[in-house]
């Protein structure tokens, strides 16, 4: 059973994921960004793609991208993303 606070956290996470996904599409880095927030090995300087401010402007998103391994039936332009939120 989800408590109200846990439900509220999920909604906030969904909004942040959507904001990062929209920014990736806007910058034309990937046509189909896929959330990979459980992939912690991905967070290194080599995979750091860009930084941008949160909608409130108080914090910064640090976005990491990596190409997905091609598989049968997968469209072109699929990238996995992960992000951190840090103070400016």
N, C-alpha and C. Protein backbone atom coordinates (compact mmCIF):
# COMPACT_ATOMS: atom_id res chain seq x y z
N UNK A 1 0.83 -1.18 0.00
CA UNK A 1 0.00 0.00 0.00
C UNK A 1 0.88 1.24 0.00
N UNK A 2 0.63 2.15 -0.89
CA UNK A 2 1.40 3.39 -0.97
C UNK A 2 0.80 4.44 -0.05
N UNK A 3 1.67 5.11 0.70
CA UNK A 3 1.21 6.21 1.52
C UNK A 3 1.14 7.46 0.65
N UNK A 4 0.53 8.49 1.15
CA UNK A 4 0.38 9.72 0.39
C UNK A 4 1.72 10.33 0.05
N UNK A 5 2.65 10.33 1.02
CA UNK A 5 3.97 10.93 0.76
C UNK A 5 4.72 10.16 -0.31
N UNK A 6 4.62 8.84 -0.31
CA UNK A 6 5.30 8.03 -1.32
C UNK A 6 4.65 8.24 -2.69
N UNK A 7 3.34 8.40 -2.72
CA UNK A 7 2.64 8.68 -3.97
C UNK A 7 3.06 10.04 -4.51
N UNK A 8 3.20 11.01 -3.62
CA UNK A 8 3.61 12.35 -4.02
C UNK A 8 5.03 12.34 -4.57
N UNK A 9 5.94 11.53 -3.97
CA UNK A 9 7.30 11.40 -4.47
C UNK A 9 7.29 10.82 -5.88
N UNK A 10 6.45 9.84 -6.13
CA UNK A 10 6.36 9.23 -7.46
C UNK A 10 5.91 10.22 -8.51
N UNK A 11 4.97 11.07 -8.15
CA UNK A 11 4.49 12.09 -9.08
C UNK A 11 5.60 13.10 -9.38
N UNK A 12 6.36 13.49 -8.37
CA UNK A 12 7.46 14.42 -8.55
C UNK A 12 8.54 13.79 -9.42
N UNK A 13 8.85 12.51 -9.20
CA UNK A 13 9.84 11.81 -10.02
C UNK A 13 9.39 11.75 -11.47
N UNK A 14 8.11 11.51 -11.69
CA UNK A 14 7.59 11.46 -13.06
C UNK A 14 7.73 12.81 -13.75
N UNK A 15 7.49 13.89 -13.02
CA UNK A 15 7.62 15.22 -13.60
C UNK A 15 9.07 15.52 -13.96
N UNK A 16 10.01 15.13 -13.09
CA UNK A 16 11.43 15.36 -13.38
C UNK A 16 11.88 14.51 -14.56
N UNK A 17 11.44 13.26 -14.61
CA UNK A 17 11.78 12.39 -15.74
C UNK A 17 11.26 12.98 -17.04
N UNK A 18 10.05 13.50 -17.02
CA UNK A 18 9.45 14.10 -18.22
C UNK A 18 10.22 15.34 -18.64
N UNK A 19 10.64 16.17 -17.68
CA UNK A 19 11.39 17.38 -18.00
C UNK A 19 12.73 17.02 -18.65
N UNK A 20 13.42 16.03 -18.12
CA UNK A 20 14.70 15.61 -18.70
C UNK A 20 14.50 15.01 -20.08
N UNK A 21 13.49 14.18 -20.22
CA UNK A 21 13.19 13.55 -21.52
C UNK A 21 12.87 14.61 -22.57
N UNK A 22 12.06 15.60 -22.20
CA UNK A 22 11.71 16.68 -23.12
C UNK A 22 12.94 17.49 -23.54
N UNK A 23 13.85 17.74 -22.59
CA UNK A 23 15.05 18.50 -22.90
C UNK A 23 15.97 17.71 -23.86
N UNK A 24 16.05 16.41 -23.69
CA UNK A 24 16.85 15.57 -24.59
C UNK A 24 16.27 15.62 -26.00
N UNK A 25 14.95 15.53 -26.10
CA UNK A 25 14.30 15.59 -27.41
C UNK A 25 14.47 16.98 -28.03
N UNK A 26 14.36 18.03 -27.22
CA UNK A 26 14.49 19.39 -27.71
C UNK A 26 15.89 19.64 -28.28
N UNK A 27 16.90 19.07 -27.64
CA UNK A 27 18.28 19.23 -28.11
C UNK A 27 18.63 18.25 -29.24
N UNK A 28 17.67 17.40 -29.60
CA UNK A 28 17.81 16.42 -30.68
C UNK A 28 18.99 15.47 -30.45
N UNK A 29 19.15 15.03 -29.20
CA UNK A 29 20.19 14.07 -28.87
C UNK A 29 19.68 12.64 -29.01
N UNK A 30 18.37 12.45 -28.88
CA UNK A 30 17.76 11.13 -29.03
C UNK A 30 16.30 11.30 -29.41
N UNK A 31 15.84 10.44 -30.28
CA UNK A 31 14.42 10.47 -30.66
C UNK A 31 13.57 9.76 -29.61
N UNK A 32 14.14 8.70 -29.02
CA UNK A 32 13.41 7.90 -28.03
C UNK A 32 14.27 7.74 -26.78
N UNK A 33 14.24 8.71 -25.85
CA UNK A 33 14.99 8.56 -24.61
C UNK A 33 14.30 7.58 -23.66
N UNK A 34 15.09 6.71 -23.06
CA UNK A 34 14.57 5.71 -22.12
C UNK A 34 15.21 5.94 -20.76
N UNK A 35 14.40 5.99 -19.72
CA UNK A 35 14.86 6.23 -18.37
C UNK A 35 15.62 5.02 -17.84
N UNK A 36 16.83 5.26 -17.38
CA UNK A 36 17.66 4.20 -16.80
C UNK A 36 18.20 4.65 -15.45
N UNK A 37 17.31 5.08 -14.57
CA UNK A 37 17.75 5.64 -13.29
C UNK A 37 18.36 4.60 -12.36
N UNK A 38 18.16 3.32 -12.63
CA UNK A 38 18.76 2.29 -11.79
C UNK A 38 20.18 1.93 -12.24
N UNK A 39 20.66 2.49 -13.35
CA UNK A 39 21.99 2.22 -13.88
C UNK A 39 22.96 3.26 -13.32
N UNK A 40 23.54 2.96 -12.14
CA UNK A 40 24.42 3.91 -11.47
C UNK A 40 25.81 3.95 -12.09
N UNK A 41 26.24 2.87 -12.77
CA UNK A 41 27.56 2.84 -13.41
C UNK A 41 27.64 3.86 -14.54
N UNK A 42 26.50 4.26 -15.04
CA UNK A 42 26.43 5.19 -16.16
C UNK A 42 26.88 6.59 -15.78
N UNK A 43 26.82 6.92 -14.50
CA UNK A 43 27.11 8.28 -14.04
C UNK A 43 28.62 8.49 -13.91
N UNK A 44 29.25 8.88 -15.02
CA UNK A 44 30.65 9.25 -14.99
C UNK A 44 30.87 10.39 -15.98
N UNK A 45 32.06 10.98 -15.93
CA UNK A 45 32.34 12.15 -16.78
C UNK A 45 32.22 11.82 -18.26
N UNK A 46 32.54 10.60 -18.64
CA UNK A 46 32.50 10.19 -20.05
C UNK A 46 31.07 10.26 -20.60
N UNK A 47 30.08 9.91 -19.81
CA UNK A 47 28.69 9.87 -20.25
C UNK A 47 27.93 11.17 -20.00
N UNK A 48 28.55 12.15 -19.32
CA UNK A 48 27.86 13.41 -19.04
C UNK A 48 27.61 14.15 -20.35
N UNK A 49 26.36 14.36 -20.68
CA UNK A 49 26.00 14.98 -21.95
C UNK A 49 25.83 16.50 -21.80
N UNK A 50 25.04 16.92 -20.82
CA UNK A 50 24.78 18.35 -20.64
C UNK A 50 24.19 18.61 -19.28
N UNK A 51 24.11 19.91 -18.94
CA UNK A 51 23.50 20.38 -17.70
C UNK A 51 22.46 21.42 -18.08
N UNK A 52 21.37 21.47 -17.32
CA UNK A 52 20.38 22.52 -17.51
C UNK A 52 19.63 22.75 -16.20
N UNK A 53 19.08 23.96 -16.01
CA UNK A 53 18.40 24.28 -14.75
C UNK A 53 17.03 23.60 -14.65
N UNK A 54 16.61 23.35 -13.43
CA UNK A 54 15.28 22.81 -13.19
C UNK A 54 14.25 23.88 -13.53
N UNK A 55 12.99 23.49 -13.69
CA UNK A 55 11.96 24.49 -14.00
C UNK A 55 11.88 25.62 -12.96
N UNK A 56 12.17 25.32 -11.71
CA UNK A 56 12.14 26.36 -10.69
C UNK A 56 13.37 27.26 -10.77
N UNK A 57 14.45 26.77 -11.36
CA UNK A 57 15.66 27.55 -11.51
C UNK A 57 16.60 27.51 -10.33
N UNK A 58 16.27 26.77 -9.29
CA UNK A 58 17.10 26.73 -8.09
C UNK A 58 18.19 25.66 -8.16
N UNK A 59 17.94 24.58 -8.90
CA UNK A 59 18.86 23.45 -8.97
C UNK A 59 19.25 23.19 -10.41
N UNK A 60 20.23 22.29 -10.61
CA UNK A 60 20.69 21.93 -11.95
C UNK A 60 20.54 20.42 -12.16
N UNK A 61 20.05 20.05 -13.33
CA UNK A 61 20.04 18.66 -13.76
C UNK A 61 21.38 18.38 -14.44
N UNK A 62 22.02 17.27 -14.09
CA UNK A 62 23.20 16.78 -14.79
C UNK A 62 22.74 15.52 -15.50
N UNK A 63 22.71 15.54 -16.84
CA UNK A 63 22.13 14.46 -17.62
C UNK A 63 23.24 13.61 -18.23
N UNK A 64 23.11 12.28 -18.06
CA UNK A 64 24.04 11.31 -18.61
C UNK A 64 23.32 10.50 -19.68
N UNK A 65 23.98 10.30 -20.83
CA UNK A 65 23.39 9.55 -21.93
C UNK A 65 24.33 8.43 -22.36
N UNK A 66 23.74 7.31 -22.80
CA UNK A 66 24.51 6.25 -23.43
C UNK A 66 23.65 5.58 -24.47
N UNK A 67 24.30 5.08 -25.53
CA UNK A 67 23.57 4.40 -26.59
C UNK A 67 23.11 3.04 -26.10
N UNK A 68 21.94 2.65 -26.54
CA UNK A 68 21.42 1.32 -26.22
C UNK A 68 21.96 0.33 -27.23
N UNK A 69 22.19 -0.89 -26.81
CA UNK A 69 22.62 -1.93 -27.74
C UNK A 69 21.47 -2.22 -28.70
N UNK A 70 21.77 -2.32 -29.99
CA UNK A 70 20.68 -2.55 -30.95
C UNK A 70 20.06 -3.93 -30.77
N UNK A 71 18.77 -3.98 -30.93
CA UNK A 71 18.05 -5.25 -30.87
C UNK A 71 17.03 -5.29 -31.99
N UNK A 72 16.53 -6.45 -32.25
CA UNK A 72 15.60 -6.63 -33.36
C UNK A 72 14.30 -5.86 -33.08
N UNK A 73 13.87 -5.08 -34.06
CA UNK A 73 12.63 -4.34 -33.93
C UNK A 73 12.74 -3.02 -33.21
N UNK A 74 13.94 -2.68 -32.76
CA UNK A 74 14.15 -1.43 -32.04
C UNK A 74 14.34 -0.29 -33.04
N UNK A 75 13.64 0.83 -32.87
CA UNK A 75 13.82 1.95 -33.81
C UNK A 75 15.18 2.61 -33.61
N UNK A 76 15.59 3.37 -34.61
CA UNK A 76 16.85 4.09 -34.54
C UNK A 76 16.69 5.31 -33.64
N UNK A 77 17.73 5.67 -32.92
CA UNK A 77 17.68 6.87 -32.09
C UNK A 77 17.25 6.60 -30.65
N UNK A 78 17.45 5.39 -30.15
CA UNK A 78 17.10 5.06 -28.77
C UNK A 78 18.33 5.25 -27.89
N UNK A 79 18.19 6.06 -26.85
CA UNK A 79 19.28 6.32 -25.90
C UNK A 79 18.74 6.19 -24.48
N UNK A 80 19.59 5.66 -23.61
CA UNK A 80 19.24 5.57 -22.19
C UNK A 80 19.77 6.83 -21.49
N UNK A 81 18.97 7.34 -20.55
CA UNK A 81 19.43 8.52 -19.80
C UNK A 81 19.31 8.30 -18.32
N UNK A 82 20.15 9.02 -17.60
CA UNK A 82 20.14 9.05 -16.15
C UNK A 82 20.47 10.48 -15.77
N UNK A 83 20.08 10.92 -14.59
CA UNK A 83 20.34 12.31 -14.20
C UNK A 83 20.55 12.43 -12.71
N UNK A 84 21.25 13.48 -12.34
CA UNK A 84 21.43 13.90 -10.95
C UNK A 84 20.88 15.29 -10.82
N UNK A 85 20.51 15.65 -9.61
CA UNK A 85 20.07 17.01 -9.32
C UNK A 85 21.01 17.57 -8.27
N UNK A 86 21.64 18.71 -8.59
CA UNK A 86 22.59 19.32 -7.69
C UNK A 86 22.32 20.82 -7.56
N UNK A 87 22.87 21.42 -6.51
CA UNK A 87 22.78 22.86 -6.33
C UNK A 87 23.61 23.56 -7.40
N UNK A 88 23.22 24.80 -7.70
CA UNK A 88 23.98 25.59 -8.70
C UNK A 88 25.34 25.94 -8.19
